[in-house]
Amino acid sequence: MAPQVVGCWLCCQHDPSKEVREAATESWRAAFPDEGKEVAGLKYCYGDIVHHLRHNLSVTQASIKADRQTSPEDTEHVYESILSSSLLCAATTLRKLDSHVLCVDT
């Protein structure tokens, strides 16, 4: 497993698209079939997950618009999708991890 992709993989489990959510969740369960392996993977990739979430939560509508040729409505939709999936990912990840991991300085 490449730790750099775990943040994106976790965020995709909260994507507005049902197909994306299902594919991400099914592949995650295949890679981490039990809770112990899942928690171990989250702990191992914690720094990369936090890095991904920090990046996503610093995105602005202006930065999305600069990267794409989209309408204002599409830009707003992408922005809201990124924020909501990232916040849900953070909440889910924090719930799954032991409290001592939350004290790690990244």
Protein backbone atom coordinates (compact mmCIF):
# COMPACT_ATOMS: atom_id res chain seq x y z
CA MET A 1 0.00 0.00 0.00
CA ALA A 2 1.27 3.47 -0.89
CA PRO A 3 0.61 5.77 2.09
CA GLN A 4 0.31 8.78 -0.24
CA VAL A 5 -2.97 7.51 -1.69
CA VAL A 6 -4.69 6.58 1.57
CA GLY A 7 -6.04 10.09 2.25
CA CYS A 8 -7.64 10.24 -1.17
CA TRP A 9 -8.89 6.66 -0.81
CA LEU A 10 -10.55 7.49 2.50
CA CYS A 11 -12.07 10.72 1.18
CA CYS A 12 -13.52 8.83 -1.77
CA GLN A 13 -15.49 6.71 0.71
CA HIS A 14 -17.47 9.90 1.38
CA ASP A 15 -17.76 11.14 -2.20
CA PRO A 16 -21.17 12.44 -3.32
CA SER A 17 -21.11 9.90 -6.17
CA LYS A 18 -22.57 6.58 -5.05
CA GLU A 19 -20.38 4.64 -7.48
CA VAL A 20 -17.20 6.29 -6.20
CA ARG A 21 -18.20 5.70 -2.56
CA GLU A 22 -19.00 2.04 -3.18
CA ALA A 23 -15.82 1.34 -5.14
CA ALA A 24 -13.64 3.04 -2.52
CA THR A 25 -15.37 1.29 0.37
CA GLU A 26 -15.28 -2.16 -1.25
CA SER A 27 -11.60 -1.88 -2.15
CA TRP A 28 -10.78 -0.58 1.36
CA ARG A 29 -12.56 -3.57 2.93
CA ALA A 30 -10.68 -5.93 0.63
CA ALA A 31 -7.36 -4.37 1.64
CA PHE A 32 -8.25 -4.20 5.35
CA PRO A 33 -10.64 -7.09 6.03
CA ASP A 34 -10.73 -6.71 9.80
CA GLU A 35 -10.71 -3.85 12.28
CA GLY A 36 -7.21 -4.61 13.57
CA LYS A 37 -5.66 -4.37 10.11
CA GLU A 38 -7.65 -1.25 9.34
CA VAL A 39 -6.51 0.54 12.50
CA ALA A 40 -2.91 -0.56 11.88
CA GLY A 41 -3.11 0.85 8.34
CA LEU A 42 -4.61 4.12 9.56
CA LYS A 43 -1.89 4.47 12.20
CA TYR A 44 0.84 3.71 9.66
CA CYS A 45 -0.54 6.28 7.19
CA TYR A 46 -1.69 8.87 9.73
CA GLY A 47 0.76 11.57 8.64
CA ASP A 48 -0.14 11.14 4.98
CA ILE A 49 -3.86 11.22 5.80
CA VAL A 50 -3.46 14.46 7.77
CA HIS A 51 -1.38 15.97 4.95
CA HIS A 52 -4.10 15.12 2.41
CA LEU A 53 -6.85 16.52 4.63
CA ARG A 54 -4.90 19.74 5.29
CA HIS A 55 -4.45 20.19 1.56
CA ASN A 56 -8.12 19.56 0.82
CA LEU A 57 -9.31 21.86 3.58
CA SER A 58 -7.10 24.69 2.29
CA VAL A 59 -8.61 24.52 -1.21
CA THR A 60 -10.61 27.56 -2.24
CA GLN A 61 -13.15 28.08 -4.99
CA ALA A 62 -10.65 30.37 -6.67
CA SER A 63 -7.96 27.67 -6.69
CA ILE A 64 -10.42 25.17 -8.17
CA LYS A 65 -11.44 27.68 -10.84
CA ALA A 66 -7.76 28.30 -11.68
CA ASP A 67 -7.16 24.56 -12.18
CA ARG A 68 -10.25 23.92 -14.31
CA GLN A 69 -12.41 25.59 -16.89
CA THR A 70 -15.70 25.21 -15.05
CA SER A 71 -18.84 27.23 -14.52
CA PRO A 72 -19.33 28.97 -11.16
CA GLU A 73 -21.96 26.36 -10.27
CA ASP A 74 -19.62 23.47 -11.07
CA THR A 75 -16.80 25.15 -9.15
CA GLU A 76 -19.06 25.52 -6.11
CA HIS A 77 -20.16 21.87 -6.39
CA VAL A 78 -16.55 20.63 -6.58
CA TYR A 79 -15.56 22.85 -3.66
CA GLU A 80 -18.43 21.63 -1.48
CA SER A 81 -17.71 18.01 -2.43
CA ILE A 82 -14.04 18.33 -1.47
CA LEU A 83 -14.87 19.97 1.86
CA SER A 84 -17.67 17.60 2.82
CA SER A 85 -15.79 14.42 1.89
CA SER A 86 -12.69 15.66 3.73
CA LEU A 87 -14.57 16.56 6.91
CA LEU A 88 -16.43 13.24 6.89
CA CYS A 89 -13.14 11.44 6.28
CA ALA A 90 -11.53 13.24 9.23
CA ALA A 91 -14.43 12.41 11.54
CA THR A 92 -14.52 8.76 10.50
CA THR A 93 -10.75 8.35 10.80
CA LEU A 94 -10.65 9.96 14.23
CA ARG A 95 -13.42 7.66 15.47
CA LYS A 96 -11.54 4.58 14.29
CA LEU A 97 -8.19 5.44 15.82
CA ASP A 98 -7.09 5.00 19.40
CA SER A 99 -6.87 8.21 21.41
CA HIS A 100 -3.07 8.03 21.76
CA VAL A 101 -2.64 8.38 17.99
CA LEU A 102 -4.43 11.74 18.07
CA CYS A 103 -1.58 13.19 20.14
CA VAL A 104 1.04 12.51 17.46
CA ASP A 105 2.59 15.69 16.09
CA THR A 106 2.60 15.70 12.27
